Structures are given as C-alpha cells and as structure tokens.
Amino acid sequence: MITAAQCRSARTLRNWSLAKLAAASGVSEAVINDFELERRRLDAASLEALRRALEKAGIAFLPQDDVRLFAETSGRR
C-alpha cells in the first residue's frame, strides 16, 4: 500500500491536482486531501485505487516513502 507522503510526492512528480487524481482513481478529492494531510486512514480498496491510478501515470512506489517516475506516459499534463 502507499503512504500519504508517497501520494503527495507522486502527485507532485506528475503535476497532478487533487481533482486529477480523484478523477483517475475514483476516490474523492476530500478523501485524498485528508489522507495526504494524515487526517484520515484509507481502506485497502481506496489505497489500491490511488496506487493503480498513479502507477498507470508512470509512478513507481519505492521503499521508505519514496517514489520515482518510471516512464513517460500520456498521463502527464
């Protein structure tokens, strides 16, 4: 699963807004914002939806709260 720090970093790498990640993952902006600010824990299904959306956009999740861009994709805007 991904951490709040990884989610924030991944959105920054892709230059994605909360709205963009919400649309790509099906998780609401408010829920993502609360998760990234560590005000809310997400269920496994929501975490998986965020992870899948970000991986599809070219994000690789690494140990110790790290992320990197693994491929240029059409997901970048």
N, C-alpha and C. Protein backbone atom coordinates (compact mmCIF):
# COMPACT_ATOMS: atom_id res chain seq x y z
N MET A 1 0.84 -1.18 0.00
CA MET A 1 0.00 0.00 0.00
C MET A 1 0.88 1.24 0.00
N ILE A 2 0.28 2.36 -0.32
CA ILE A 2 1.06 3.60 -0.39
C ILE A 2 0.82 4.44 0.87
N THR A 3 1.79 5.32 1.14
CA THR A 3 1.69 6.21 2.29
C THR A 3 1.22 7.59 1.82
N ALA A 4 0.85 8.40 2.79
CA ALA A 4 0.44 9.78 2.49
C ALA A 4 1.58 10.54 1.81
N ALA A 5 2.80 10.36 2.32
CA ALA A 5 3.96 11.04 1.73
C ALA A 5 4.18 10.61 0.28
N GLN A 6 4.02 9.33 0.00
CA GLN A 6 4.17 8.85 -1.37
C GLN A 6 3.10 9.43 -2.28
N CYS A 7 1.89 9.52 -1.79
CA CYS A 7 0.80 10.07 -2.59
C CYS A 7 1.09 11.54 -2.94
N ARG A 8 1.49 12.32 -1.94
CA ARG A 8 1.83 13.73 -2.18
C ARG A 8 2.96 13.85 -3.19
N SER A 9 4.02 13.06 -2.99
CA SER A 9 5.19 13.12 -3.88
C SER A 9 4.83 12.70 -5.30
N ALA A 10 4.03 11.66 -5.42
CA ALA A 10 3.64 11.17 -6.74
C ALA A 10 2.84 12.23 -7.50
N ARG A 11 1.91 12.88 -6.80
CA ARG A 11 1.13 13.95 -7.46
C ARG A 11 2.04 15.08 -7.89
N THR A 12 3.04 15.39 -7.09
CA THR A 12 3.98 16.46 -7.44
C THR A 12 4.79 16.08 -8.68
N LEU A 13 5.28 14.84 -8.72
CA LEU A 13 6.04 14.39 -9.89
C LEU A 13 5.23 14.48 -11.17
N ARG A 14 3.96 14.16 -11.10
CA ARG A 14 3.09 14.19 -12.28
C ARG A 14 2.45 15.55 -12.49
N ASN A 15 2.63 16.44 -11.52
CA ASN A 15 1.99 17.75 -11.57
C ASN A 15 0.47 17.61 -11.65
N TRP A 16 -0.05 16.70 -10.84
CA TRP A 16 -1.48 16.42 -10.80
C TRP A 16 -2.14 17.15 -9.64
N SER A 17 -3.28 17.71 -9.88
CA SER A 17 -4.09 18.30 -8.83
C SER A 17 -4.84 17.19 -8.09
N LEU A 18 -5.44 17.56 -6.97
CA LEU A 18 -6.30 16.60 -6.28
C LEU A 18 -7.43 16.15 -7.20
N ALA A 19 -7.98 17.10 -7.97
CA ALA A 19 -9.08 16.78 -8.87
C ALA A 19 -8.66 15.75 -9.92
N LYS A 20 -7.46 15.88 -10.44
CA LYS A 20 -6.97 14.95 -11.46
C LYS A 20 -6.82 13.54 -10.88
N LEU A 21 -6.23 13.45 -9.68
CA LEU A 21 -6.08 12.14 -9.06
C LEU A 21 -7.44 11.56 -8.68
N ALA A 22 -8.33 12.40 -8.21
CA ALA A 22 -9.68 11.93 -7.88
C ALA A 22 -10.37 11.34 -9.11
N ALA A 23 -10.27 12.04 -10.23
CA ALA A 23 -10.90 11.55 -11.46
C ALA A 23 -10.27 10.25 -11.93
N ALA A 24 -8.96 10.13 -11.81
CA ALA A 24 -8.26 8.94 -12.29
C ALA A 24 -8.47 7.73 -11.37
N SER A 25 -8.72 7.98 -10.09
CA SER A 25 -8.80 6.88 -9.13
C SER A 25 -10.21 6.54 -8.67
N GLY A 26 -11.13 7.49 -8.79
CA GLY A 26 -12.47 7.27 -8.27
C GLY A 26 -12.58 7.52 -6.77
N VAL A 27 -11.54 8.08 -6.18
CA VAL A 27 -11.53 8.45 -4.76
C VAL A 27 -11.77 9.95 -4.70
N SER A 28 -12.63 10.41 -3.80
CA SER A 28 -12.98 11.83 -3.79
C SER A 28 -11.80 12.73 -3.39
N GLU A 29 -11.85 13.97 -3.88
CA GLU A 29 -10.81 14.95 -3.56
C GLU A 29 -10.67 15.13 -2.06
N ALA A 30 -11.80 15.24 -1.36
CA ALA A 30 -11.76 15.46 0.09
C ALA A 30 -11.08 14.31 0.81
N VAL A 31 -11.35 13.09 0.38
CA VAL A 31 -10.74 11.92 0.99
C VAL A 31 -9.24 11.91 0.71
N ILE A 32 -8.83 12.19 -0.52
CA ILE A 32 -7.40 12.23 -0.85
C ILE A 32 -6.70 13.32 -0.05
N ASN A 33 -7.30 14.50 0.03
CA ASN A 33 -6.71 15.60 0.77
C ASN A 33 -6.52 15.22 2.24
N ASP A 34 -7.55 14.66 2.85
CA ASP A 34 -7.44 14.23 4.25
C ASP A 34 -6.37 13.16 4.42
N PHE A 35 -6.27 12.24 3.48
CA PHE A 35 -5.24 11.20 3.54
C PHE A 35 -3.85 11.82 3.45
N GLU A 36 -3.65 12.70 2.47
CA GLU A 36 -2.33 13.32 2.29
C GLU A 36 -1.93 14.17 3.49
N LEU A 37 -2.90 14.76 4.18
CA LEU A 37 -2.62 15.56 5.37
C LEU A 37 -2.59 14.70 6.64
N GLU A 38 -2.73 13.38 6.45
CA GLU A 38 -2.69 12.41 7.53
C GLU A 38 -3.77 12.63 8.57
N ARG A 39 -4.93 13.10 8.09
CA ARG A 39 -6.09 13.26 8.96
C ARG A 39 -7.03 12.06 8.87
N ARG A 40 -6.77 11.17 7.90
CA ARG A 40 -7.66 10.03 7.67
C ARG A 40 -6.84 8.85 7.17
N ARG A 41 -7.22 7.67 7.64
CA ARG A 41 -6.66 6.43 7.11
C ARG A 41 -7.63 5.92 6.05
N LEU A 42 -7.08 5.39 4.99
CA LEU A 42 -7.93 4.89 3.91
C LEU A 42 -8.06 3.38 3.99
N ASP A 43 -9.19 2.90 3.48
CA ASP A 43 -9.38 1.46 3.40
C ASP A 43 -8.51 0.91 2.27
N ALA A 44 -8.34 -0.39 2.28
CA ALA A 44 -7.45 -1.04 1.30
C ALA A 44 -7.89 -0.77 -0.14
N ALA A 45 -9.19 -0.76 -0.39
CA ALA A 45 -9.68 -0.54 -1.76
C ALA A 45 -9.33 0.86 -2.26
N SER A 46 -9.46 1.86 -1.41
CA SER A 46 -9.13 3.23 -1.81
C SER A 46 -7.63 3.39 -2.04
N LEU A 47 -6.82 2.81 -1.15
CA LEU A 47 -5.37 2.86 -1.33
C LEU A 47 -4.96 2.19 -2.64
N GLU A 48 -5.57 1.06 -2.93
CA GLU A 48 -5.26 0.35 -4.18
C GLU A 48 -5.68 1.17 -5.39
N ALA A 49 -6.81 1.84 -5.32
CA ALA A 49 -7.27 2.67 -6.43
C ALA A 49 -6.31 3.83 -6.68
N LEU A 50 -5.82 4.45 -5.62
CA LEU A 50 -4.83 5.53 -5.78
C LEU A 50 -3.55 4.98 -6.39
N ARG A 51 -3.09 3.87 -5.87
CA ARG A 51 -1.85 3.27 -6.37
C ARG A 51 -1.97 2.92 -7.86
N ARG A 52 -3.06 2.28 -8.24
CA ARG A 52 -3.24 1.90 -9.65
C ARG A 52 -3.26 3.13 -10.56
N ALA A 53 -3.97 4.17 -10.15
CA ALA A 53 -4.06 5.38 -10.97
C ALA A 53 -2.69 6.02 -11.13
N LEU A 54 -1.93 6.09 -10.07
CA LEU A 54 -0.60 6.72 -10.14
C LEU A 54 0.40 5.85 -10.90
N GLU A 55 0.33 4.54 -10.72
CA GLU A 55 1.21 3.66 -11.49
C GLU A 55 0.89 3.74 -12.98
N LYS A 56 -0.37 3.84 -13.32
CA LYS A 56 -0.76 3.99 -14.73
C LYS A 56 -0.18 5.29 -15.30
N ALA A 57 0.01 6.28 -14.45
CA ALA A 57 0.57 7.57 -14.87
C ALA A 57 2.10 7.57 -14.86
N GLY A 58 2.71 6.42 -14.55
CA GLY A 58 4.16 6.32 -14.63
C GLY A 58 4.90 6.45 -13.32
N ILE A 59 4.22 6.27 -12.22
CA ILE A 59 4.86 6.38 -10.91
C ILE A 59 5.24 5.00 -10.40
N ALA A 60 6.46 4.88 -9.89
CA ALA A 60 6.91 3.66 -9.23
C ALA A 60 7.01 3.96 -7.74
N PHE A 61 6.45 3.09 -6.92
CA PHE A 61 6.50 3.24 -5.48
C PHE A 61 7.66 2.43 -4.94
N LEU A 62 8.52 3.11 -4.18
CA LEU A 62 9.74 2.51 -3.65
C LEU A 62 9.66 2.43 -2.13
N PRO A 63 10.56 1.66 -1.52
CA PRO A 63 10.58 1.58 -0.05
C PRO A 63 10.87 2.94 0.58
N GLN A 64 10.58 3.04 1.84
CA GLN A 64 10.89 4.22 2.66
C GLN A 64 10.22 5.49 2.15
N ASP A 65 8.96 5.39 1.80
CA ASP A 65 8.15 6.54 1.38
C ASP A 65 8.66 7.25 0.13
N ASP A 66 9.41 6.56 -0.70
CA ASP A 66 9.97 7.18 -1.90
C ASP A 66 9.15 6.81 -3.13
N VAL A 67 9.20 7.67 -4.14
CA VAL A 67 8.56 7.41 -5.43
C VAL A 67 9.50 7.90 -6.52
N ARG A 68 9.28 7.40 -7.73
CA ARG A 68 10.02 7.93 -8.87
C ARG A 68 9.17 7.76 -10.12
N LEU A 69 9.52 8.50 -11.11
CA LEU A 69 8.87 8.41 -12.40
C LEU A 69 9.56 7.30 -13.18
N PHE A 70 8.82 6.25 -13.57
CA PHE A 70 9.48 5.15 -14.26
C PHE A 70 9.30 5.17 -15.76
N ALA A 71 8.40 5.98 -16.28
CA ALA A 71 8.22 6.04 -17.73
C ALA A 71 7.46 7.28 -18.10
N GLU A 72 7.77 7.82 -19.22
CA GLU A 72 6.96 8.91 -19.76
C GLU A 72 5.68 8.29 -20.31
N THR A 73 4.54 8.83 -19.89
CA THR A 73 3.28 8.31 -20.35
C THR A 73 2.40 9.45 -20.79
N SER A 74 1.29 9.12 -21.35
CA SER A 74 0.33 10.16 -21.76
C SER A 74 -0.41 10.74 -20.57
N GLY A 75 -0.18 10.21 -19.35
CA GLY A 75 -0.86 10.69 -18.16
C GLY A 75 -0.37 12.04 -17.66
N ARG A 76 0.76 12.50 -18.19
CA ARG A 76 1.31 13.78 -17.73
C ARG A 76 0.60 14.94 -18.40
N ARG A 77 0.27 15.92 -17.60
CA ARG A 77 -0.38 17.13 -18.13
C ARG A 77 0.18 18.35 -17.48
